[in-house]
Amino acid sequence: ALPTYRVAPQLEVRLEEFELFAIDRLRVLKGISDGLSRGKRPEEMEKLVSELWKAHMRHQDPAETLNKDIISHFVLRLVYCRTEELRKWFLSMENTLFRYRFRLESPESQRLLMSEFQLPYKALPHSEFEAVKDKLSQVARSIGQSASVESVFFKVPFEEVPDLVASRRVFLSKGYAYVAMSQVVSLVVTQFRCNISKALVLTNRKWTATIKEQEKDRLTPIVEALSNAYFGPDYSQVYCYTCTFQHIIFDASLNY
């Protein structure tokens, strides 16, 4: 199950897990950042993401893995919502992580995620597919794929798949892009990025208006230490802070 992080979990979390989960996820995001800076190819990034996730986030119990996944995301959302620079980095890394995790999902899981995002796209009717089939074949050959094209395509406004348009991986006609089933990750990731971007802004407002002051003697020092320790090229000060609190409860105000 690949969560979309639309709703914050309402549960009590031990502070030890609060910190450790955030640290482990940041190790994944830092690894992704390093991979991108080194110019790794998509297939290399896919392998890297899989290895990073297995090393730092996976648990023997799938339910525990999912729990850690969701908790760590919302912890870091709180940490990285506070400035535009922090939001930009976090959004970029989470977007990349989601993209490659989505690609590793089964086709059935991918279709379920499309439904969860409520994407308003339907498969291209057979008659329209036949009318543009030759054009689709030309695009496939131009990007080194087989001349035989997939049978399932979606017709979407071109501005919703800017990465595919920029890399000339789709056929364009009258303002629409014809997106193959194997390329729907671009549609889902665009929606995911939009949702997380809005959520970060809303979380920042909550943080500035209430949470920062209310938690100035407890949560605020931890949040600030996490962002200072992990944002940027120097990640050596992982354990530069200490804390003695026992538990922390997720604030439902992180929902959006």
Protein backbone atom coordinates (compact mmCIF):
# COMPACT_ATOMS: atom_id res chain seq x y z
CA ALA A 1 0.00 0.00 0.00
CA LEU A 2 1.44 3.35 -1.07
CA PRO A 3 -0.08 6.09 1.11
CA THR A 4 -0.99 9.47 -0.33
CA TYR A 5 -0.69 11.33 3.02
CA ARG A 6 -3.96 13.17 2.61
CA VAL A 7 -4.98 12.82 6.28
CA ALA A 8 -2.72 12.94 9.31
CA PRO A 9 -2.96 9.92 11.63
CA GLN A 10 -4.75 10.43 14.94
CA LEU A 11 -2.66 8.36 17.30
CA GLU A 12 -0.22 8.60 20.15
CA VAL A 13 3.44 8.23 19.20
CA ARG A 14 6.38 7.68 21.51
CA LEU A 15 8.82 10.55 21.24
CA GLU A 16 11.63 8.09 20.61
CA GLU A 17 9.80 6.88 17.50
CA PHE A 18 8.93 10.45 16.57
CA GLU A 19 12.65 11.22 16.30
CA LEU A 20 13.94 7.93 14.92
CA PHE A 21 11.27 7.66 12.23
CA ALA A 22 12.07 11.19 11.06
CA ILE A 23 15.80 10.43 11.01
CA ASP A 24 15.31 7.26 8.97
CA ARG A 25 13.13 8.98 6.41
CA LEU A 26 15.62 11.83 6.12
CA ARG A 27 18.30 9.27 5.35
CA VAL A 28 16.15 8.11 2.44
CA LEU A 29 15.54 11.67 1.22
CA LYS A 30 19.24 12.56 1.55
CA GLY A 31 20.14 9.46 -0.47
CA ILE A 32 17.71 10.53 -3.18
CA SER A 33 19.16 14.04 -3.18
CA ASP A 34 22.66 12.62 -3.58
CA GLY A 35 21.53 10.35 -6.42
CA LEU A 36 19.94 13.22 -8.31
CA SER A 37 22.97 15.46 -7.83
CA ARG A 38 25.13 12.74 -9.34
CA GLY A 39 22.94 12.57 -12.44
CA LYS A 40 21.76 8.98 -12.00
CA ARG A 41 19.52 7.67 -14.77
CA PRO A 42 15.85 6.81 -14.06
CA GLU A 43 16.52 3.07 -13.85
CA GLU A 44 19.43 3.74 -11.46
CA MET A 45 17.25 6.00 -9.33
CA GLU A 46 14.55 3.34 -9.19
CA LYS A 47 17.06 0.83 -7.84
CA LEU A 48 18.49 3.39 -5.42
CA VAL A 49 15.07 4.28 -3.99
CA SER A 50 14.24 0.60 -3.52
CA GLU A 51 17.52 -0.01 -1.67
CA LEU A 52 17.19 3.09 0.50
CA TRP A 53 13.64 2.21 1.46
CA LYS A 54 14.57 -1.35 2.34
CA ALA A 55 17.57 -0.24 4.40
CA HIS A 56 15.90 2.51 6.43
CA MET A 57 12.11 2.18 6.35
CA ARG A 58 11.06 -1.42 5.86
CA HIS A 59 9.96 -3.55 8.81
CA GLN A 60 9.30 -7.28 8.96
CA ASP A 61 5.67 -6.49 9.68
CA PRO A 62 4.08 -4.68 6.69
CA ALA A 63 1.69 -2.89 9.05
CA GLU A 64 4.63 -1.48 11.00
CA THR A 65 6.27 -0.36 7.75
CA LEU A 66 3.11 1.49 6.73
CA ASN A 67 2.81 3.05 10.18
CA LYS A 68 6.41 4.27 10.09
CA ASP A 69 5.92 5.56 6.56
CA ILE A 70 2.92 7.70 7.47
CA ILE A 71 4.24 8.95 10.80
CA SER A 72 7.65 9.91 9.42
CA HIS A 73 6.11 11.85 6.54
CA PHE A 74 3.93 13.95 8.83
CA VAL A 75 6.78 14.57 11.25
CA LEU A 76 8.94 15.90 8.44
CA ARG A 77 6.03 17.86 7.02
CA LEU A 78 5.96 19.75 10.31
CA VAL A 79 9.75 20.14 10.32
CA TYR A 80 10.03 21.35 6.73
CA CYS A 81 6.94 23.54 6.46
CA ARG A 82 8.52 26.53 8.18
CA THR A 83 10.38 28.31 5.37
CA GLU A 84 10.13 28.45 1.61
CA GLU A 85 13.58 26.92 1.23
CA LEU A 86 12.75 24.00 3.51
CA ARG A 87 9.41 23.44 1.79
CA LYS A 88 11.00 23.45 -1.65
CA TRP A 89 13.59 20.81 -0.75
CA PHE A 90 11.15 18.57 1.09
CA LEU A 91 8.56 18.79 -1.68
CA SER A 92 11.12 17.91 -4.34
CA MET A 93 12.51 14.92 -2.45
CA GLU A 94 9.10 13.56 -1.40
CA ASN A 95 7.86 13.95 -4.96
CA THR A 96 10.81 11.97 -6.30
CA LEU A 97 10.39 9.30 -3.63
CA PHE A 98 6.71 8.93 -4.47
CA ARG A 99 7.42 8.77 -8.21
CA TYR A 100 9.80 5.82 -7.93
CA ARG A 101 7.75 4.01 -5.31
CA PHE A 102 4.75 4.32 -7.61
CA ARG A 103 6.75 2.81 -10.48
CA LEU A 104 7.55 -0.17 -8.27
CA GLU A 105 3.87 -0.83 -7.56
CA SER A 106 1.86 -3.44 -9.44
CA PRO A 107 -0.44 -2.27 -12.28
CA GLU A 108 -3.45 -3.00 -10.10
CA SER A 109 -2.09 -0.85 -7.27
CA GLN A 110 -1.34 1.92 -9.75
CA ARG A 111 -4.94 1.91 -10.97
CA LEU A 112 -6.19 2.02 -7.38
CA LEU A 113 -4.00 5.04 -6.70
CA MET A 114 -5.40 6.77 -9.76
CA SER A 115 -8.86 6.23 -8.29
CA GLU A 116 -7.75 7.50 -4.88
CA PHE A 117 -6.53 10.75 -6.42
CA GLN A 118 -9.86 10.97 -8.24
CA LEU A 119 -8.19 11.69 -11.56
CA PRO A 120 -10.95 12.54 -14.07
CA TYR A 121 -9.45 10.59 -16.95
CA LYS A 122 -10.91 7.68 -18.84
CA ALA A 123 -9.18 5.30 -21.19
CA LEU A 124 -9.18 6.44 -24.81
CA PRO A 125 -12.08 4.88 -26.81
CA HIS A 126 -11.01 2.27 -29.34
CA SER A 127 -12.14 4.36 -32.31
CA GLU A 128 -10.05 7.36 -31.25
CA PHE A 129 -7.11 5.10 -30.41
CA GLU A 130 -7.16 3.65 -33.92
CA ALA A 131 -7.26 7.14 -35.43
CA VAL A 132 -4.00 8.16 -33.74
CA LYS A 133 -2.32 4.77 -33.49
CA ASP A 134 0.25 5.55 -36.19
CA LYS A 135 1.23 8.78 -34.44
CA LEU A 136 1.60 6.94 -31.15
CA SER A 137 3.82 4.39 -32.85
CA GLN A 138 6.04 7.16 -34.21
CA VAL A 139 6.46 8.62 -30.72
CA ALA A 140 7.26 5.17 -29.33
CA ARG A 141 9.97 4.61 -31.94
CA SER A 142 11.44 8.07 -31.38
CA ILE A 143 12.08 7.28 -27.72
CA GLY A 144 13.50 3.85 -28.42
CA GLN A 145 10.44 1.75 -27.62
CA SER A 146 8.82 -1.00 -29.63
CA ALA A 147 6.79 0.05 -32.64
CA SER A 148 3.83 -1.82 -31.16
CA VAL A 149 2.12 0.58 -28.79
CA GLU A 150 0.14 -0.07 -25.64
CA SER A 151 -3.61 -0.42 -25.98
CA VAL A 152 -4.54 1.79 -23.01
CA PHE A 153 -4.03 5.56 -23.32
CA PHE A 154 -5.42 8.59 -21.53
CA LYS A 155 -6.11 11.93 -23.21
CA VAL A 156 -5.18 14.74 -20.84
CA PRO A 157 -4.45 18.49 -21.05
CA PHE A 158 -0.78 18.79 -21.98
CA GLU A 159 0.04 21.13 -19.07
CA GLU A 160 -0.70 18.31 -16.60
CA VAL A 161 2.25 16.22 -17.81
CA PRO A 162 5.03 18.80 -18.29
CA ASP A 163 7.80 16.26 -17.79
CA LEU A 164 6.50 14.04 -20.59
CA VAL A 165 6.01 17.01 -22.90
CA ALA A 166 9.49 18.39 -22.18
CA SER A 167 11.11 15.04 -22.95
CA ARG A 168 8.90 14.52 -26.06
CA ARG A 169 7.57 11.22 -24.79
CA VAL A 170 3.92 11.82 -25.71
CA PHE A 171 1.91 12.60 -28.81
CA LEU A 172 0.37 16.08 -28.69
CA SER A 173 -2.73 17.16 -30.57
CA LYS A 174 -4.98 20.20 -30.09
CA GLY A 175 -3.74 20.89 -26.58
CA TYR A 176 -3.96 17.29 -25.39
CA ALA A 177 -1.30 14.71 -24.57
CA TYR A 178 -1.89 11.01 -25.15
CA VAL A 179 -0.47 9.26 -22.09
CA ALA A 180 0.15 5.51 -22.06
CA MET A 181 -0.76 3.40 -19.04
CA SER A 182 2.95 2.92 -18.35
CA GLN A 183 3.30 6.74 -18.12
CA VAL A 184 0.44 7.48 -15.74
CA VAL A 185 2.98 8.04 -12.97
CA SER A 186 3.31 11.58 -14.37
CA LEU A 187 -0.40 12.21 -13.87
CA VAL A 188 -0.40 10.84 -10.33
CA VAL A 189 2.81 12.60 -9.31
CA THR A 190 1.51 15.95 -10.56
CA GLN A 191 -1.54 15.60 -8.31
CA PHE A 192 0.57 14.33 -5.41
CA ARG A 193 2.92 17.31 -5.67
CA CYS A 194 0.00 19.75 -5.76
CA ASN A 195 -1.55 18.19 -2.64
CA ILE A 196 1.67 18.17 -0.63
CA SER A 197 2.54 21.73 -1.68
CA LYS A 198 -0.81 23.01 -0.42
CA ALA A 199 -0.51 20.96 2.75
CA LEU A 200 2.91 22.41 3.55
CA VAL A 201 1.57 25.96 3.28
CA LEU A 202 -1.42 25.14 5.52
CA THR A 203 0.80 23.37 8.05
CA ASN A 204 3.10 26.38 8.15
CA ARG A 205 0.14 28.62 8.98
CA LYS A 206 -0.86 26.29 11.82
CA TRP A 207 2.72 26.18 13.04
CA THR A 208 3.12 29.96 13.03
CA ALA A 209 -0.30 30.71 14.50
CA THR A 210 -0.51 28.19 17.32
CA ILE A 211 1.79 25.19 17.46
CA LYS A 212 5.15 26.97 17.73
CA GLU A 213 4.13 28.97 20.79
CA GLN A 214 2.13 26.22 22.45
CA GLU A 215 5.00 23.76 22.10
CA LYS A 216 7.89 26.18 22.72
CA ASP A 217 9.19 24.16 25.68
CA ARG A 218 8.65 20.74 24.17
CA LEU A 219 8.12 20.19 20.44
CA THR A 220 9.53 23.40 18.96
CA PRO A 221 13.18 22.76 19.95
CA ILE A 222 13.03 19.27 18.40
CA VAL A 223 11.49 20.48 15.16
CA GLU A 224 14.03 23.27 14.77
CA ALA A 225 16.93 20.95 15.57
CA LEU A 226 15.79 18.41 13.01
CA SER A 227 15.59 20.92 10.18
CA ASN A 228 18.89 22.55 11.09
CA ALA A 229 20.63 19.20 11.35
CA TYR A 230 19.37 17.75 8.10
CA PHE A 231 18.76 20.50 5.58
CA GLY A 232 21.68 21.18 3.25
CA PRO A 233 24.83 19.29 2.35
CA ASP A 234 26.03 18.80 5.94
CA TYR A 235 24.15 15.92 7.53
CA SER A 236 26.80 14.95 10.06
CA GLN A 237 25.08 16.47 13.08
CA VAL A 238 22.32 13.88 13.26
CA TYR A 239 22.40 13.51 17.01
CA CYS A 240 23.14 17.11 17.94
CA TYR A 241 20.18 17.36 20.26
CA THR A 242 18.72 15.41 23.14
CA CYS A 243 15.23 15.08 24.47
CA THR A 244 13.67 13.43 27.51
CA PHE A 245 9.96 13.55 26.69
CA GLN A 246 7.98 10.34 26.74
CA HIS A 247 5.15 10.75 24.25
CA ILE A 248 3.70 13.15 21.74
CA ILE A 249 0.26 13.17 20.18
CA PHE A 250 -0.19 14.05 16.51
CA ASP A 251 -2.24 17.21 16.15
CA ALA A 252 -5.28 16.73 13.95
CA SER A 253 -4.69 20.25 12.67
CA LEU A 254 -2.09 18.82 10.30
CA ASN A 255 -4.95 17.48 8.22
CA TYR A 256 -5.87 19.31 5.04
